[in-house]
All heavy atoms as atom14 arrays in JSON, in Angstrom:
{
  "sequence": "SISAMNWYRQAPGKQRELVATITSGGFTIYANSVKGRFTISRDNAKNT",
  "atom14_mask": [
    [1, 1, 1, 1, 1, 1, 0, 0, 0, 0, 0, 0, 0, 0],
    [1, 1, 1, 1, 1, 1, 1, 1, 0, 0, 0, 0, 0, 0],
    [1, 1, 1, 1, 1, 1, 0, 0, 0, 0, 0, 0, 0, 0],
    [1, 1, 1, 1, 1, 0, 0, 0, 0, 0, 0, 0, 0, 0],
    [1, 1, 1, 1, 1, 1, 1, 1, 0, 0, 0, 0, 0, 0],
    [1, 1, 1, 1, 1, 1, 1, 1, 0, 0, 0, 0, 0, 0],
    [1, 1, 1, 1, 1, 1, 1, 1, 1, 1, 1, 1, 1, 1],
    [1, 1, 1, 1, 1, 1, 1, 1, 1, 1, 1, 1, 0, 0],
    [1, 1, 1, 1, 1, 1, 1, 1, 1, 1, 1, 0, 0, 0],
    [1, 1, 1, 1, 1, 1, 1, 1, 1, 0, 0, 0, 0, 0],
    [1, 1, 1, 1, 1, 0, 0, 0, 0, 0, 0, 0, 0, 0],
    [1, 1, 1, 1, 1, 1, 1, 0, 0, 0, 0, 0, 0, 0],
    [1, 1, 1, 1, 0, 0, 0, 0, 0, 0, 0, 0, 0, 0],
    [1, 1, 1, 1, 1, 1, 1, 1, 1, 0, 0, 0, 0, 0],
    [1, 1, 1, 1, 1, 1, 1, 1, 1, 0, 0, 0, 0, 0],
    [1, 1, 1, 1, 1, 1, 1, 1, 1, 1, 1, 0, 0, 0],
    [1, 1, 1, 1, 1, 1, 1, 1, 1, 0, 0, 0, 0, 0],
    [1, 1, 1, 1, 1, 1, 1, 1, 0, 0, 0, 0, 0, 0],
    [1, 1, 1, 1, 1, 1, 1, 0, 0, 0, 0, 0, 0, 0],
    [1, 1, 1, 1, 1, 0, 0, 0, 0, 0, 0, 0, 0, 0],
    [1, 1, 1, 1, 1, 1, 1, 0, 0, 0, 0, 0, 0, 0],
    [1, 1, 1, 1, 1, 1, 1, 1, 0, 0, 0, 0, 0, 0],
    [1, 1, 1, 1, 1, 1, 1, 0, 0, 0, 0, 0, 0, 0],
    [1, 1, 1, 1, 1, 1, 0, 0, 0, 0, 0, 0, 0, 0],
    [1, 1, 1, 1, 0, 0, 0, 0, 0, 0, 0, 0, 0, 0],
    [1, 1, 1, 1, 0, 0, 0, 0, 0, 0, 0, 0, 0, 0],
    [1, 1, 1, 1, 1, 1, 1, 1, 1, 1, 1, 0, 0, 0],
    [1, 1, 1, 1, 1, 1, 1, 0, 0, 0, 0, 0, 0, 0],
    [1, 1, 1, 1, 1, 1, 1, 1, 0, 0, 0, 0, 0, 0],
    [1, 1, 1, 1, 1, 1, 1, 1, 1, 1, 1, 1, 0, 0],
    [1, 1, 1, 1, 1, 0, 0, 0, 0, 0, 0, 0, 0, 0],
    [1, 1, 1, 1, 1, 1, 1, 1, 0, 0, 0, 0, 0, 0],
    [1, 1, 1, 1, 1, 1, 0, 0, 0, 0, 0, 0, 0, 0],
    [1, 1, 1, 1, 1, 1, 1, 0, 0, 0, 0, 0, 0, 0],
    [1, 1, 1, 1, 1, 1, 1, 1, 1, 0, 0, 0, 0, 0],
    [1, 1, 1, 1, 0, 0, 0, 0, 0, 0, 0, 0, 0, 0],
    [1, 1, 1, 1, 1, 1, 1, 1, 1, 1, 1, 0, 0, 0],
    [1, 1, 1, 1, 1, 1, 1, 1, 1, 1, 1, 0, 0, 0],
    [1, 1, 1, 1, 1, 1, 1, 0, 0, 0, 0, 0, 0, 0],
    [1, 1, 1, 1, 1, 1, 1, 1, 0, 0, 0, 0, 0, 0],
    [1, 1, 1, 1, 1, 1, 0, 0, 0, 0, 0, 0, 0, 0],
    [1, 1, 1, 1, 1, 1, 1, 1, 1, 1, 1, 0, 0, 0],
    [1, 1, 1, 1, 1, 1, 1, 1, 0, 0, 0, 0, 0, 0],
    [1, 1, 1, 1, 1, 1, 1, 1, 0, 0, 0, 0, 0, 0],
    [1, 1, 1, 1, 1, 0, 0, 0, 0, 0, 0, 0, 0, 0],
    [1, 1, 1, 1, 1, 1, 1, 1, 1, 0, 0, 0, 0, 0],
    [1, 1, 1, 1, 1, 1, 1, 1, 0, 0, 0, 0, 0, 0],
    [1, 1, 1, 1, 1, 1, 1, 0, 0, 0, 0, 0, 0, 0]
  ],
  "atom14_positions": [
    [[-13.71, -39.46, 3.1], [-12.56, -39.76, 3.93], [-11.6, -38.59, 4.09], [-10.55, -38.7, 4.71], [-11.79, -40.94, 3.32], [-11.4, -40.65, 2.0], [0.0, 0.0, 0.0], [0.0, 0.0, 0.0], [0.0, 0.0, 0.0], [0.0, 0.0, 0.0], [0.0, 0.0, 0.0], [0.0, 0.0, 0.0], [0.0, 0.0, 0.0], [0.0, 0.0, 0.0]],
    [[-11.98, -37.44, 3.52], [-11.11, -36.26, 3.61], [-11.06, -35.74, 5.03], [-12.08, -35.63, 5.7], [-11.6, -35.17, 2.65], [-11.29, -35.57, 1.21], [-10.96, -33.83, 2.97], [-11.81, -34.59, 0.19], [0.0, 0.0, 0.0], [0.0, 0.0, 0.0], [0.0, 0.0, 0.0], [0.0, 0.0, 0.0], [0.0, 0.0, 0.0], [0.0, 0.0, 0.0]],
    [[-9.86, -35.38, 5.47], [-9.72, -34.78, 6.8], [-9.42, -33.29, 6.63], [-10.22, -32.54, 6.14], [-8.63, -35.51, 7.59], [-7.42, -35.5, 6.86], [0.0, 0.0, 0.0], [0.0, 0.0, 0.0], [0.0, 0.0, 0.0], [0.0, 0.0, 0.0], [0.0, 0.0, 0.0], [0.0, 0.0, 0.0], [0.0, 0.0, 0.0], [0.0, 0.0, 0.0]],
    [[-8.24, -32.88, 7.04], [-7.88, -31.46, 6.94], [-7.67, -31.06, 5.48], [-7.3, -31.87, 4.64], [-6.62, -31.19, 7.74], [0.0, 0.0, 0.0], [0.0, 0.0, 0.0], [0.0, 0.0, 0.0], [0.0, 0.0, 0.0], [0.0, 0.0, 0.0], [0.0, 0.0, 0.0], [0.0, 0.0, 0.0], [0.0, 0.0, 0.0], [0.0, 0.0, 0.0]],
    [[-7.93, -29.8, 5.22], [-7.63, -29.2, 3.92], [-6.51, -28.18, 4.14], [-6.52, -27.46, 5.13], [-8.86, -28.51, 3.33], [-10.03, -29.43, 3.11], [-9.8, -30.55, 1.72], [-9.97, -29.42, 0.34], [0.0, 0.0, 0.0], [0.0, 0.0, 0.0], [0.0, 0.0, 0.0], [0.0, 0.0, 0.0], [0.0, 0.0, 0.0], [0.0, 0.0, 0.0]],
    [[-5.59, -28.16, 3.21], [-4.42, -27.31, 3.36], [-4.16, -26.5, 2.09], [-4.41, -26.97, 0.99], [-3.16, -28.16, 3.61], [-3.35, -29.16, 4.71], [-3.18, -28.87, 5.88], [-3.72, -30.39, 4.34], [0.0, 0.0, 0.0], [0.0, 0.0, 0.0], [0.0, 0.0, 0.0], [0.0, 0.0, 0.0], [0.0, 0.0, 0.0], [0.0, 0.0, 0.0]],
    [[-3.63, -25.31, 2.29], [-3.12, -24.52, 1.17], [-1.61, -24.39, 1.34], [-1.12, -24.03, 2.42], [-3.75, -23.13, 1.14], [-5.14, -23.12, 0.63], [-6.29, -23.08, 1.37], [-5.55, -23.14, -0.74], [-7.38, -23.08, 0.53], [-6.96, -23.11, -0.76], [-4.86, -23.17, -1.96], [-7.68, -23.12, -1.95], [-5.58, -23.17, -3.13], [-6.98, -23.15, -3.12]],
    [[-0.89, -24.7, 0.28], [0.55, -24.52, 0.21], [0.84, -23.53, -0.92], [-0.01, -23.26, -1.78], [1.25, -25.84, -0.13], [1.36, -26.82, 1.0], [0.25, -27.55, 1.42], [2.57, -27.06, 1.63], [0.35, -28.47, 2.45], [2.68, -27.98, 2.66], [1.57, -28.68, 3.06], [1.68, -29.59, 4.08], [0.0, 0.0, 0.0], [0.0, 0.0, 0.0]],
    [[2.06, -23.02, -0.92], [2.49, -22.19, -2.05], [3.96, -22.45, -2.33], [4.72, -22.84, -1.45], [2.25, -20.71, -1.78], [3.1, -20.11, -0.68], [2.67, -18.66, -0.43], [3.47, -18.02, 0.63], [3.21, -16.82, 1.12], [2.18, -16.12, 0.67], [3.98, -16.32, 2.06], [0.0, 0.0, 0.0], [0.0, 0.0, 0.0], [0.0, 0.0, 0.0]],
    [[4.32, -22.21, -3.57], [5.71, -22.38, -3.98], [6.07, -21.27, -4.95], [5.47, -21.14, -6.02], [5.94, -23.74, -4.63], [7.39, -24.03, -4.92], [7.64, -25.49, -5.27], [6.73, -26.22, -5.66], [8.88, -25.93, -5.11], [0.0, 0.0, 0.0], [0.0, 0.0, 0.0], [0.0, 0.0, 0.0], [0.0, 0.0, 0.0], [0.0, 0.0, 0.0]],
    [[7.06, -20.49, -4.55], [7.59, -19.43, -5.4], [8.78, -19.98, -6.18], [9.42, -20.95, -5.74], [8.01, -18.24, -4.54], [0.0, 0.0, 0.0], [0.0, 0.0, 0.0], [0.0, 0.0, 0.0], [0.0, 0.0, 0.0], [0.0, 0.0, 0.0], [0.0, 0.0, 0.0], [0.0, 0.0, 0.0], [0.0, 0.0, 0.0], [0.0, 0.0, 0.0]],
    [[9.1, -19.39, -7.32], [10.24, -19.87, -8.11], [11.52, -19.9, -7.3], [11.86, -18.93, -6.61], [10.33, -18.84, -9.23], [8.95, -18.3, -9.37], [8.4, -18.28, -7.97], [0.0, 0.0, 0.0], [0.0, 0.0, 0.0], [0.0, 0.0, 0.0], [0.0, 0.0, 0.0], [0.0, 0.0, 0.0], [0.0, 0.0, 0.0], [0.0, 0.0, 0.0]],
    [[12.2, -21.03, -7.33], [13.46, -21.17, -6.63], [13.34, -21.41, -5.13], [14.35, -21.46, -4.43], [0.0, 0.0, 0.0], [0.0, 0.0, 0.0], [0.0, 0.0, 0.0], [0.0, 0.0, 0.0], [0.0, 0.0, 0.0], [0.0, 0.0, 0.0], [0.0, 0.0, 0.0], [0.0, 0.0, 0.0], [0.0, 0.0, 0.0], [0.0, 0.0, 0.0]],
    [[12.12, -21.55, -4.66], [11.91, -21.75, -3.23], [11.18, -23.06, -2.97], [10.54, -23.62, -3.86], [11.13, -20.59, -2.62], [11.87, -19.26, -2.64], [11.11, -18.2, -1.87], [11.88, -16.9, -1.83], [11.16, -15.86, -1.06], [0.0, 0.0, 0.0], [0.0, 0.0, 0.0], [0.0, 0.0, 0.0], [0.0, 0.0, 0.0], [0.0, 0.0, 0.0]],
    [[11.29, -23.52, -1.74], [10.57, -24.75, -1.36], [9.09, -24.47, -1.17], [8.69, -23.34, -0.86], [11.17, -25.31, -0.06], [12.54, -25.92, -0.22], [12.98, -26.66, 1.03], [12.59, -26.3, 2.14], [13.78, -27.69, 0.85], [0.0, 0.0, 0.0], [0.0, 0.0, 0.0], [0.0, 0.0, 0.0], [0.0, 0.0, 0.0], [0.0, 0.0, 0.0]],
    [[8.31, -25.5, -1.37], [6.88, -25.37, -1.12], [6.67, -25.19, 0.38], [7.29, -25.88, 1.19], [6.16, -26.62, -1.62], [4.66, -26.49, -1.7], [4.04, -27.68, -2.42], [4.44, -27.73, -3.83], [3.88, -28.55, -4.71], [2.91, -29.38, -4.34], [4.3, -28.54, -5.97], [0.0, 0.0, 0.0], [0.0, 0.0, 0.0], [0.0, 0.0, 0.0]],
    [[5.8, -24.26, 0.75], [5.56, -23.98, 2.15], [4.06, -24.03, 2.46], [3.22, -23.69, 1.63], [6.12, -22.6, 2.55], [5.48, -21.43, 1.84], [5.94, -20.09, 2.38], [6.59, -20.04, 3.44], [5.62, -19.07, 1.74], [0.0, 0.0, 0.0], [0.0, 0.0, 0.0], [0.0, 0.0, 0.0], [0.0, 0.0, 0.0], [0.0, 0.0, 0.0]],
    [[3.78, -24.43, 3.7], [2.4, -24.48, 4.17], [1.92, -23.07, 4.48], [2.58, -22.34, 5.23], [2.3, -25.37, 5.4], [0.92, -25.48, 6.04], [-0.08, -26.13, 5.1], [1.02, -26.29, 7.35], [0.0, 0.0, 0.0], [0.0, 0.0, 0.0], [0.0, 0.0, 0.0], [0.0, 0.0, 0.0], [0.0, 0.0, 0.0], [0.0, 0.0, 0.0]],
    [[0.78, -22.71, 3.93], [0.21, -21.38, 4.16], [-0.87, -21.44, 5.23], [-0.89, -20.63, 6.15], [-0.39, -20.84, 2.85], [-1.1, -19.51, 3.1], [0.7, -20.67, 1.8], [0.0, 0.0, 0.0], [0.0, 0.0, 0.0], [0.0, 0.0, 0.0], [0.0, 0.0, 0.0], [0.0, 0.0, 0.0], [0.0, 0.0, 0.0], [0.0, 0.0, 0.0]],
    [[-1.79, -22.39, 5.11], [-2.9, -22.47, 6.05], [-3.51, -23.86, 6.03], [-3.45, -24.56, 5.01], [-3.97, -21.44, 5.71], [0.0, 0.0, 0.0], [0.0, 0.0, 0.0], [0.0, 0.0, 0.0], [0.0, 0.0, 0.0], [0.0, 0.0, 0.0], [0.0, 0.0, 0.0], [0.0, 0.0, 0.0], [0.0, 0.0, 0.0], [0.0, 0.0, 0.0]],
    [[-4.08, -24.23, 7.17], [-4.74, -25.53, 7.33], [-6.07, -25.32, 8.02], [-6.18, -24.49, 8.92], [-3.88, -26.47, 8.2], [-2.67, -26.77, 7.51], [-4.61, -27.75, 8.53], [0.0, 0.0, 0.0], [0.0, 0.0, 0.0], [0.0, 0.0, 0.0], [0.0, 0.0, 0.0], [0.0, 0.0, 0.0], [0.0, 0.0, 0.0], [0.0, 0.0, 0.0]],
    [[-7.06, -26.1, 7.61], [-8.33, -26.13, 8.32], [-8.72, -27.58, 8.52], [-8.74, -28.37, 7.58], [-9.44, -25.33, 7.6], [-10.72, -25.3, 8.43], [-9.7, -25.87, 6.19], [-11.74, -24.26, 7.96], [0.0, 0.0, 0.0], [0.0, 0.0, 0.0], [0.0, 0.0, 0.0], [0.0, 0.0, 0.0], [0.0, 0.0, 0.0], [0.0, 0.0, 0.0]],
    [[-9.0, -27.95, 9.77], [-9.37, -29.33, 10.06], [-10.84, -29.57, 9.73], [-11.6, -28.62, 9.43], [-9.14, -29.64, 11.54], [-10.08, -28.89, 12.34], [-7.73, -29.29, 11.97], [0.0, 0.0, 0.0], [0.0, 0.0, 0.0], [0.0, 0.0, 0.0], [0.0, 0.0, 0.0], [0.0, 0.0, 0.0], [0.0, 0.0, 0.0], [0.0, 0.0, 0.0]],
    [[-11.26, -30.81, 9.81], [-12.65, -31.13, 9.54], [-13.58, -30.46, 10.54], [-14.74, -30.19, 10.25], [-12.85, -32.65, 9.55], [-12.4, -33.19, 10.78], [0.0, 0.0, 0.0], [0.0, 0.0, 0.0], [0.0, 0.0, 0.0], [0.0, 0.0, 0.0], [0.0, 0.0, 0.0], [0.0, 0.0, 0.0], [0.0, 0.0, 0.0], [0.0, 0.0, 0.0]],
    [[-13.06, -30.16, 11.72], [-13.86, -29.48, 12.74], [-13.78, -27.97, 12.68], [-14.42, -27.28, 13.48], [0.0, 0.0, 0.0], [0.0, 0.0, 0.0], [0.0, 0.0, 0.0], [0.0, 0.0, 0.0], [0.0, 0.0, 0.0], [0.0, 0.0, 0.0], [0.0, 0.0, 0.0], [0.0, 0.0, 0.0], [0.0, 0.0, 0.0], [0.0, 0.0, 0.0]],
    [[-12.99, -27.45, 11.74], [-12.93, -26.01, 11.56], [-11.79, -25.3, 12.27], [-11.69, -24.07, 12.24], [0.0, 0.0, 0.0], [0.0, 0.0, 0.0], [0.0, 0.0, 0.0], [0.0, 0.0, 0.0], [0.0, 0.0, 0.0], [0.0, 0.0, 0.0], [0.0, 0.0, 0.0], [0.0, 0.0, 0.0], [0.0, 0.0, 0.0], [0.0, 0.0, 0.0]],
    [[-10.91, -26.08, 12.9], [-9.74, -25.46, 13.54], [-8.77, -25.0, 12.46], [-8.53, -25.73, 11.49], [-9.06, -26.47, 14.47], [-7.89, -25.93, 15.2], [-8.05, -25.04, 16.25], [-6.6, -26.3, 14.85], [-6.97, -24.53, 16.94], [-5.5, -25.81, 15.52], [-5.68, -24.92, 16.56], [0.0, 0.0, 0.0], [0.0, 0.0, 0.0], [0.0, 0.0, 0.0]],
    [[-8.2, -23.81, 12.62], [-7.33, -23.25, 11.59], [-5.94, -22.95, 12.12], [-5.74, -22.63, 13.3], [-7.93, -21.96, 11.02], [-8.12, -21.01, 12.08], [-9.25, -22.22, 10.34], [0.0, 0.0, 0.0], [0.0, 0.0, 0.0], [0.0, 0.0, 0.0], [0.0, 0.0, 0.0], [0.0, 0.0, 0.0], [0.0, 0.0, 0.0], [0.0, 0.0, 0.0]],
    [[-4.98, -23.07, 11.23], [-3.58, -22.76, 11.51], [-3.05, -21.96, 10.33], [-3.37, -22.27, 9.18], [-2.75, -24.04, 11.67], [-3.33, -24.93, 12.78], [-1.3, -23.72, 11.96], [-2.7, -26.31, 12.83], [0.0, 0.0, 0.0], [0.0, 0.0, 0.0], [0.0, 0.0, 0.0], [0.0, 0.0, 0.0], [0.0, 0.0, 0.0], [0.0, 0.0, 0.0]],
    [[-2.22, -20.95, 10.61], [-1.67, -20.11, 9.57], [-0.16, -19.97, 9.71], [0.38, -19.95, 10.82], [-2.27, -18.7, 9.62], [-3.76, -18.67, 9.36], [-4.67, -18.71, 10.41], [-4.25, -18.6, 8.06], [-6.03, -18.68, 10.17], [-5.61, -18.57, 7.81], [-6.49, -18.62, 8.87], [-7.84, -18.59, 8.63], [0.0, 0.0, 0.0], [0.0, 0.0, 0.0]],
    [[0.5, -19.8, 8.59], [1.9, -19.42, 8.61], [2.0, -17.99, 9.15], [1.1, -17.17, 8.92], [2.48, -19.48, 7.2], [0.0, 0.0, 0.0], [0.0, 0.0, 0.0], [0.0, 0.0, 0.0], [0.0, 0.0, 0.0], [0.0, 0.0, 0.0], [0.0, 0.0, 0.0], [0.0, 0.0, 0.0], [0.0, 0.0, 0.0], [0.0, 0.0, 0.0]],
    [[3.08, -17.72, 9.85], [3.25, -16.39, 10.43], [3.21, -15.3, 9.36], [2.71, -14.19, 9.61], [4.57, -16.31, 11.2], [4.52, -17.08, 12.5], [3.46, -17.28, 13.07], [5.68, -17.53, 12.96], [0.0, 0.0, 0.0], [0.0, 0.0, 0.0], [0.0, 0.0, 0.0], [0.0, 0.0, 0.0], [0.0, 0.0, 0.0], [0.0, 0.0, 0.0]],
    [[3.69, -15.6, 8.19], [3.78, -14.6, 7.13], [2.41, -14.16, 6.6], [2.32, -13.12, 5.94], [4.62, -15.14, 5.97], [4.06, -16.33, 5.47], [0.0, 0.0, 0.0], [0.0, 0.0, 0.0], [0.0, 0.0, 0.0], [0.0, 0.0, 0.0], [0.0, 0.0, 0.0], [0.0, 0.0, 0.0], [0.0, 0.0, 0.0], [0.0, 0.0, 0.0]],
    [[1.36, -14.93, 6.87], [0.04, -14.57, 6.33], [-0.99, -14.31, 7.42], [-2.13, -13.94, 7.12], [-0.49, -15.67, 5.37], [0.54, -15.97, 4.28], [-0.86, -16.93, 6.13], [0.0, 0.0, 0.0], [0.0, 0.0, 0.0], [0.0, 0.0, 0.0], [0.0, 0.0, 0.0], [0.0, 0.0, 0.0], [0.0, 0.0, 0.0], [0.0, 0.0, 0.0]],
    [[-0.62, -14.48, 8.67], [-1.57, -14.26, 9.76], [-2.13, -12.85, 9.72], [-1.38, -11.88, 9.55], [-0.89, -14.5, 11.11], [-0.82, -15.94, 11.54], [-0.16, -16.07, 12.9], [-0.03, -17.52, 13.3], [0.69, -17.69, 14.58], [0.0, 0.0, 0.0], [0.0, 0.0, 0.0], [0.0, 0.0, 0.0], [0.0, 0.0, 0.0], [0.0, 0.0, 0.0]],
    [[-3.43, -12.74, 9.88], [-4.08, -11.44, 9.87], [-4.43, -10.95, 8.48], [-5.16, -9.96, 8.33], [0.0, 0.0, 0.0], [0.0, 0.0, 0.0], [0.0, 0.0, 0.0], [0.0, 0.0, 0.0], [0.0, 0.0, 0.0], [0.0, 0.0, 0.0], [0.0, 0.0, 0.0], [0.0, 0.0, 0.0], [0.0, 0.0, 0.0], [0.0, 0.0, 0.0]],
    [[-3.91, -11.63, 7.44], [-4.2, -11.21, 6.06], [-4.98, -12.28, 5.29], [-5.81, -11.95, 4.45], [-2.91, -10.93, 5.31], [-2.06, -9.82, 5.92], [-0.89, -9.45, 5.02], [0.04, -10.56, 4.81], [0.34, -11.05, 3.62], [-0.2, -10.55, 2.52], [1.21, -12.04, 3.51], [0.0, 0.0, 0.0], [0.0, 0.0, 0.0], [0.0, 0.0, 0.0]],
    [[-4.71, -13.54, 5.57], [-5.35, -14.65, 4.88], [-6.34, -15.33, 5.81], [-6.1, -15.43, 7.02], [-4.33, -15.68, 4.41], [-3.42, -15.22, 3.29], [-3.36, -13.91, 2.88], [-2.61, -16.15, 2.65], [-2.52, -13.5, 1.86], [-1.77, -15.78, 1.63], [-1.72, -14.45, 1.24], [0.0, 0.0, 0.0], [0.0, 0.0, 0.0], [0.0, 0.0, 0.0]],
    [[-7.41, -15.84, 5.23], [-8.4, -16.61, 5.99], [-8.76, -17.87, 5.22], [-9.17, -17.79, 4.06], [-9.68, -15.79, 6.23], [-9.34, -14.57, 6.92], [-10.67, -16.58, 7.08], [0.0, 0.0, 0.0], [0.0, 0.0, 0.0], [0.0, 0.0, 0.0], [0.0, 0.0, 0.0], [0.0, 0.0, 0.0], [0.0, 0.0, 0.0], [0.0, 0.0, 0.0]],
    [[-8.6, -19.0, 5.88], [-8.99, -20.27, 5.27], [-10.35, -20.68, 5.8], [-10.68, -20.44, 6.97], [-7.93, -21.38, 5.56], [-8.24, -22.64, 4.75], [-7.84, -21.68, 7.04], [-7.13, -23.69, 4.8], [0.0, 0.0, 0.0], [0.0, 0.0, 0.0], [0.0, 0.0, 0.0], [0.0, 0.0, 0.0], [0.0, 0.0, 0.0], [0.0, 0.0, 0.0]],
    [[-11.16, -21.23, 4.94], [-12.49, -21.7, 5.34], [-12.87, -22.9, 4.49], [-12.17, -23.22, 3.52], [-13.53, -20.58, 5.19], [-13.63, -20.17, 3.83], [0.0, 0.0, 0.0], [0.0, 0.0, 0.0], [0.0, 0.0, 0.0], [0.0, 0.0, 0.0], [0.0, 0.0, 0.0], [0.0, 0.0, 0.0], [0.0, 0.0, 0.0], [0.0, 0.0, 0.0]],
    [[-13.94, -23.56, 4.87], [-14.4, -24.7, 4.07], [-15.92, -24.78, 4.13], [-16.52, -24.41, 5.14], [-13.76, -26.01, 4.53], [-14.11, -26.46, 5.92], [-13.19, -27.58, 6.38], [-13.41, -28.84, 5.68], [-12.63, -29.91, 5.81], [-11.55, -29.86, 6.6], [-12.89, -31.03, 5.15], [0.0, 0.0, 0.0], [0.0, 0.0, 0.0], [0.0, 0.0, 0.0]],
    [[-16.48, -25.24, 3.04], [-17.92, -25.48, 2.95], [-18.07, -26.97, 2.69], [-17.88, -27.43, 1.57], [-18.51, -24.65, 1.81], [-20.03, -24.78, 1.72], [-20.56, -25.81, 2.16], [-20.67, -23.87, 1.2], [0.0, 0.0, 0.0], [0.0, 0.0, 0.0], [0.0, 0.0, 0.0], [0.0, 0.0, 0.0], [0.0, 0.0, 0.0], [0.0, 0.0, 0.0]],
    [[-18.37, -27.71, 3.74], [-18.44, -29.17, 3.62], [-19.57, -29.61, 2.69], [-19.46, -30.65, 2.04], [-18.59, -29.81, 4.99], [-17.34, -29.64, 5.84], [-16.23, -29.61, 5.31], [-17.51, -29.52, 7.14], [0.0, 0.0, 0.0], [0.0, 0.0, 0.0], [0.0, 0.0, 0.0], [0.0, 0.0, 0.0], [0.0, 0.0, 0.0], [0.0, 0.0, 0.0]],
    [[-20.62, -28.82, 2.62], [-21.74, -29.18, 1.74], [-21.33, -29.11, 0.27], [-21.84, -29.84, -0.57], [-22.93, -28.27, 2.0], [0.0, 0.0, 0.0], [0.0, 0.0, 0.0], [0.0, 0.0, 0.0], [0.0, 0.0, 0.0], [0.0, 0.0, 0.0], [0.0, 0.0, 0.0], [0.0, 0.0, 0.0], [0.0, 0.0, 0.0], [0.0, 0.0, 0.0]],
    [[-20.39, -28.21, -0.02], [-19.91, -28.04, -1.4], [-18.58, -28.74, -1.63], [-18.02, -28.67, -2.72], [-19.77, -26.55, -1.73], [-21.09, -25.8, -1.74], [-20.88, -24.34, -2.15], [-22.19, -23.59, -2.21], [-22.01, -22.17, -2.6], [0.0, 0.0, 0.0], [0.0, 0.0, 0.0], [0.0, 0.0, 0.0], [0.0, 0.0, 0.0], [0.0, 0.0, 0.0]],
    [[-18.05, -29.37, -0.57], [-16.75, -30.05, -0.68], [-15.67, -29.12, -1.21], [-14.86, -29.48, -2.07], [-16.86, -31.28, -1.58], [-17.93, -32.23, -1.11], [-18.0, -32.56, 0.07], [-18.78, -32.67, -2.03], [0.0, 0.0, 0.0], [0.0, 0.0, 0.0], [0.0, 0.0, 0.0], [0.0, 0.0, 0.0], [0.0, 0.0, 0.0], [0.0, 0.0, 0.0]],
    [[-15.68, -27.91, -0.7], [-14.79, -26.88, -1.2], [-14.12, -26.15, -0.05], [-14.76, -25.85, 0.96], [-15.56, -25.87, -2.07], [-16.16, -26.55, -3.16], [-14.63, -24.79, -2.61], [0.0, 0.0, 0.0], [0.0, 0.0, 0.0], [0.0, 0.0, 0.0], [0.0, 0.0, 0.0], [0.0, 0.0, 0.0], [0.0, 0.0, 0.0], [0.0, 0.0, 0.0]]
  ]
}
């Protein structure tokens, strides 16, 4: 039943922020601060 997978991060004293999202179909979204440096991916066979 899992849909999108997301990575968030939280630095000390700061709010948790969304870093990247990947949908079940492989569509990706990135925070502006990590675009071009971070890549999100998923392996559905490994559930990872």
